[in-house]
Amino acid sequence: MSSTELVLVAAPAPKILCAQQGEIRIEFDDDGNASIIQRNWPDEDAVIRISRENTQTFLDGVCDAFGVPTFGGSR
C-alpha cells in the first residue's frame, strides 16, 4: 500500500445501553422494607419485596451480579 492510499475503517455500530423498559421505582413501608416495582402498563406491575433484614444481602448480590466492587461498610 502506498502512502497516498485512503483506508476506510467502518465505525463501530452504536451500542444500546438500556432498551426501552417500564418505569422502575422503589418504595419503603413503615418498617423499612423495600418494594421495587417495574411498571408494566396495561398489564400487572412486577413487584419484588425485600425485607429490611435482607437489604444488605440483596444489595451485595445485585452488586456482585453487575461486577460492582465491594468497598467499606459494615457487614
N, C-alpha and C. Protein backbone atom coordinates (compact mmCIF):
# COMPACT_ATOMS: atom_id res chain seq x y z
N MET A 1 0.85 -1.17 0.00
CA MET A 1 0.00 0.00 0.00
C MET A 1 0.90 1.24 0.00
N SER A 2 0.59 2.15 -0.88
CA SER A 2 1.38 3.39 -0.94
C SER A 2 0.89 4.37 0.11
N SER A 3 1.67 5.38 0.38
CA SER A 3 1.30 6.36 1.40
C SER A 3 0.16 7.26 0.97
N THR A 4 -0.25 7.18 -0.29
CA THR A 4 -1.33 8.03 -0.77
C THR A 4 -2.68 7.32 -0.78
N GLU A 5 -2.71 6.03 -0.45
CA GLU A 5 -3.98 5.31 -0.45
C GLU A 5 -4.80 5.67 0.79
N LEU A 6 -6.07 5.77 0.60
CA LEU A 6 -7.00 6.07 1.69
C LEU A 6 -7.60 4.76 2.18
N VAL A 7 -7.52 4.52 3.45
CA VAL A 7 -8.09 3.31 4.04
C VAL A 7 -9.32 3.71 4.82
N LEU A 8 -10.45 3.13 4.45
CA LEU A 8 -11.70 3.41 5.16
C LEU A 8 -11.92 2.35 6.22
N VAL A 9 -12.22 2.80 7.40
CA VAL A 9 -12.49 1.90 8.50
C VAL A 9 -13.92 2.15 8.95
N ALA A 10 -14.69 1.08 9.01
CA ALA A 10 -16.08 1.22 9.43
C ALA A 10 -16.15 1.60 10.91
N ALA A 11 -17.01 2.54 11.21
CA ALA A 11 -17.23 2.94 12.60
C ALA A 11 -17.97 1.82 13.32
N PRO A 12 -17.68 1.62 14.59
CA PRO A 12 -18.40 0.58 15.32
C PRO A 12 -19.89 0.92 15.40
N ALA A 13 -20.70 -0.12 15.38
CA ALA A 13 -22.15 0.07 15.47
C ALA A 13 -22.50 0.64 16.85
N PRO A 14 -23.52 1.48 16.92
CA PRO A 14 -23.92 2.01 18.23
C PRO A 14 -24.36 0.87 19.15
N LYS A 15 -24.07 1.03 20.41
CA LYS A 15 -24.44 0.01 21.41
C LYS A 15 -25.59 0.54 22.25
N ILE A 16 -26.65 -0.21 22.31
CA ILE A 16 -27.81 0.17 23.13
C ILE A 16 -27.49 -0.20 24.57
N LEU A 17 -27.50 0.79 25.44
CA LEU A 17 -27.21 0.53 26.85
C LEU A 17 -28.43 0.07 27.62
N CYS A 18 -29.55 0.70 27.37
CA CYS A 18 -30.79 0.31 28.03
C CYS A 18 -31.90 0.34 27.00
N ALA A 19 -32.47 -0.80 26.75
CA ALA A 19 -33.62 -0.85 25.84
C ALA A 19 -34.81 -0.21 26.55
N GLN A 20 -35.80 0.15 25.77
CA GLN A 20 -36.99 0.71 26.40
C GLN A 20 -37.50 -0.25 27.45
N GLN A 21 -37.90 0.30 28.56
CA GLN A 21 -38.45 -0.53 29.63
C GLN A 21 -39.40 0.31 30.45
N GLY A 22 -40.18 -0.38 31.24
CA GLY A 22 -41.11 0.32 32.10
C GLY A 22 -40.39 1.04 33.23
N GLU A 23 -41.05 2.03 33.76
CA GLU A 23 -40.52 2.79 34.90
C GLU A 23 -40.21 1.84 36.05
N ILE A 24 -39.11 2.08 36.74
CA ILE A 24 -38.75 1.30 37.93
C ILE A 24 -38.67 2.27 39.10
N ARG A 25 -39.35 1.93 40.17
CA ARG A 25 -39.32 2.79 41.35
C ARG A 25 -39.12 1.93 42.60
N ILE A 26 -38.75 2.57 43.69
CA ILE A 26 -38.58 1.87 44.97
C ILE A 26 -39.44 2.59 46.00
N GLU A 27 -40.10 1.80 46.81
CA GLU A 27 -40.95 2.34 47.88
C GLU A 27 -40.58 1.63 49.18
N PHE A 28 -40.70 2.33 50.29
CA PHE A 28 -40.43 1.75 51.60
C PHE A 28 -41.68 1.82 52.45
N ASP A 29 -41.95 0.75 53.21
CA ASP A 29 -43.08 0.78 54.13
C ASP A 29 -42.62 1.33 55.48
N ASP A 30 -43.53 1.40 56.44
CA ASP A 30 -43.21 1.98 57.75
C ASP A 30 -42.15 1.18 58.51
N ASP A 31 -41.95 -0.10 58.17
CA ASP A 31 -40.96 -0.93 58.84
C ASP A 31 -39.60 -0.90 58.14
N GLY A 32 -39.48 -0.14 57.04
CA GLY A 32 -38.23 -0.04 56.32
C GLY A 32 -38.03 -1.13 55.27
N ASN A 33 -39.06 -1.95 55.03
CA ASN A 33 -38.98 -2.96 53.99
C ASN A 33 -39.14 -2.28 52.63
N ALA A 34 -38.39 -2.75 51.64
CA ALA A 34 -38.40 -2.12 50.33
C ALA A 34 -39.24 -2.92 49.34
N SER A 35 -39.90 -2.22 48.45
CA SER A 35 -40.57 -2.83 47.30
C SER A 35 -40.02 -2.15 46.06
N ILE A 36 -39.54 -2.97 45.12
CA ILE A 36 -39.07 -2.47 43.83
C ILE A 36 -40.13 -2.83 42.82
N ILE A 37 -40.65 -1.83 42.14
CA ILE A 37 -41.79 -2.02 41.23
C ILE A 37 -41.39 -1.59 39.83
N GLN A 38 -41.67 -2.46 38.86
CA GLN A 38 -41.48 -2.07 37.47
C GLN A 38 -42.85 -1.98 36.83
N ARG A 39 -43.13 -0.80 36.29
CA ARG A 39 -44.42 -0.56 35.66
C ARG A 39 -44.53 -1.38 34.39
N ASN A 40 -45.68 -2.03 34.23
CA ASN A 40 -45.91 -2.88 33.06
C ASN A 40 -47.30 -2.63 32.51
N TRP A 41 -47.66 -1.34 32.42
CA TRP A 41 -48.99 -0.98 31.94
C TRP A 41 -49.19 -1.49 30.53
N PRO A 42 -50.31 -2.04 30.15
CA PRO A 42 -51.57 -2.13 30.89
C PRO A 42 -51.67 -3.41 31.72
N ASP A 43 -50.63 -4.22 31.72
CA ASP A 43 -50.65 -5.46 32.50
C ASP A 43 -50.25 -5.17 33.94
N GLU A 44 -50.25 -6.23 34.73
CA GLU A 44 -49.90 -6.10 36.15
C GLU A 44 -48.41 -5.73 36.30
N ASP A 45 -48.12 -4.82 37.24
CA ASP A 45 -46.74 -4.43 37.51
C ASP A 45 -46.00 -5.58 38.18
N ALA A 46 -44.68 -5.67 37.96
CA ALA A 46 -43.84 -6.65 38.63
C ALA A 46 -43.35 -6.02 39.94
N VAL A 47 -43.43 -6.77 41.03
CA VAL A 47 -43.04 -6.26 42.34
C VAL A 47 -42.08 -7.24 42.99
N ILE A 48 -40.97 -6.72 43.51
CA ILE A 48 -40.02 -7.51 44.30
C ILE A 48 -39.97 -6.86 45.67
N ARG A 49 -40.22 -7.63 46.71
CA ARG A 49 -40.18 -7.11 48.08
C ARG A 49 -38.96 -7.65 48.79
N ILE A 50 -38.21 -6.76 49.44
CA ILE A 50 -37.02 -7.15 50.19
C ILE A 50 -37.22 -6.70 51.63
N SER A 51 -37.20 -7.67 52.55
CA SER A 51 -37.38 -7.31 53.95
C SER A 51 -36.15 -6.54 54.43
N ARG A 52 -36.37 -5.70 55.41
CA ARG A 52 -35.30 -4.83 55.89
C ARG A 52 -34.08 -5.62 56.32
N GLU A 53 -34.29 -6.76 56.96
CA GLU A 53 -33.15 -7.55 57.45
C GLU A 53 -32.36 -8.21 56.31
N ASN A 54 -32.92 -8.27 55.11
CA ASN A 54 -32.22 -8.86 53.96
C ASN A 54 -31.67 -7.82 52.98
N THR A 55 -31.80 -6.53 53.31
CA THR A 55 -31.38 -5.48 52.39
C THR A 55 -29.91 -5.59 52.01
N GLN A 56 -29.03 -5.73 53.01
CA GLN A 56 -27.59 -5.80 52.75
C GLN A 56 -27.24 -6.99 51.86
N THR A 57 -27.80 -8.16 52.18
CA THR A 57 -27.54 -9.36 51.40
C THR A 57 -28.03 -9.19 49.97
N PHE A 58 -29.22 -8.60 49.81
CA PHE A 58 -29.78 -8.38 48.49
C PHE A 58 -28.89 -7.44 47.67
N LEU A 59 -28.51 -6.31 48.28
CA LEU A 59 -27.68 -5.34 47.56
C LEU A 59 -26.31 -5.91 47.23
N ASP A 60 -25.73 -6.69 48.14
CA ASP A 60 -24.45 -7.35 47.85
C ASP A 60 -24.58 -8.27 46.65
N GLY A 61 -25.68 -9.03 46.59
CA GLY A 61 -25.90 -9.93 45.47
C GLY A 61 -26.08 -9.20 44.15
N VAL A 62 -26.83 -8.10 44.18
CA VAL A 62 -27.03 -7.31 42.96
C VAL A 62 -25.69 -6.72 42.50
N CYS A 63 -24.94 -6.16 43.43
CA CYS A 63 -23.63 -5.59 43.07
C CYS A 63 -22.69 -6.65 42.52
N ASP A 64 -22.66 -7.83 43.14
CA ASP A 64 -21.82 -8.93 42.63
C ASP A 64 -22.23 -9.30 41.21
N ALA A 65 -23.53 -9.38 40.97
CA ALA A 65 -24.02 -9.77 39.65
C ALA A 65 -23.62 -8.76 38.57
N PHE A 66 -23.53 -7.48 38.93
CA PHE A 66 -23.16 -6.43 37.97
C PHE A 66 -21.67 -6.11 38.00
N GLY A 67 -20.93 -6.81 38.83
CA GLY A 67 -19.48 -6.59 38.88
C GLY A 67 -19.08 -5.32 39.60
N VAL A 68 -19.93 -4.81 40.48
CA VAL A 68 -19.60 -3.61 41.26
C VAL A 68 -18.75 -4.06 42.43
N PRO A 69 -17.54 -3.50 42.57
CA PRO A 69 -16.65 -3.96 43.63
C PRO A 69 -17.17 -3.62 45.02
N THR A 70 -16.79 -4.45 45.97
CA THR A 70 -17.15 -4.23 47.37
C THR A 70 -16.20 -3.20 47.96
N PHE A 71 -16.73 -2.33 48.78
CA PHE A 71 -15.88 -1.36 49.45
C PHE A 71 -16.49 -1.01 50.79
N GLY A 72 -15.65 -0.78 51.80
CA GLY A 72 -16.06 -0.30 53.11
C GLY A 72 -17.39 -0.83 53.62
N GLY A 73 -17.89 -0.21 54.66
CA GLY A 73 -19.21 -0.55 55.20
C GLY A 73 -19.14 -1.74 56.13
N SER A 74 -20.14 -1.83 56.98
CA SER A 74 -20.19 -2.93 57.95
C SER A 74 -20.93 -4.11 57.36
N ARG A 75 -20.64 -5.25 57.87
CA ARG A 75 -21.28 -6.48 57.41
C ARG A 75 -22.08 -7.10 58.51
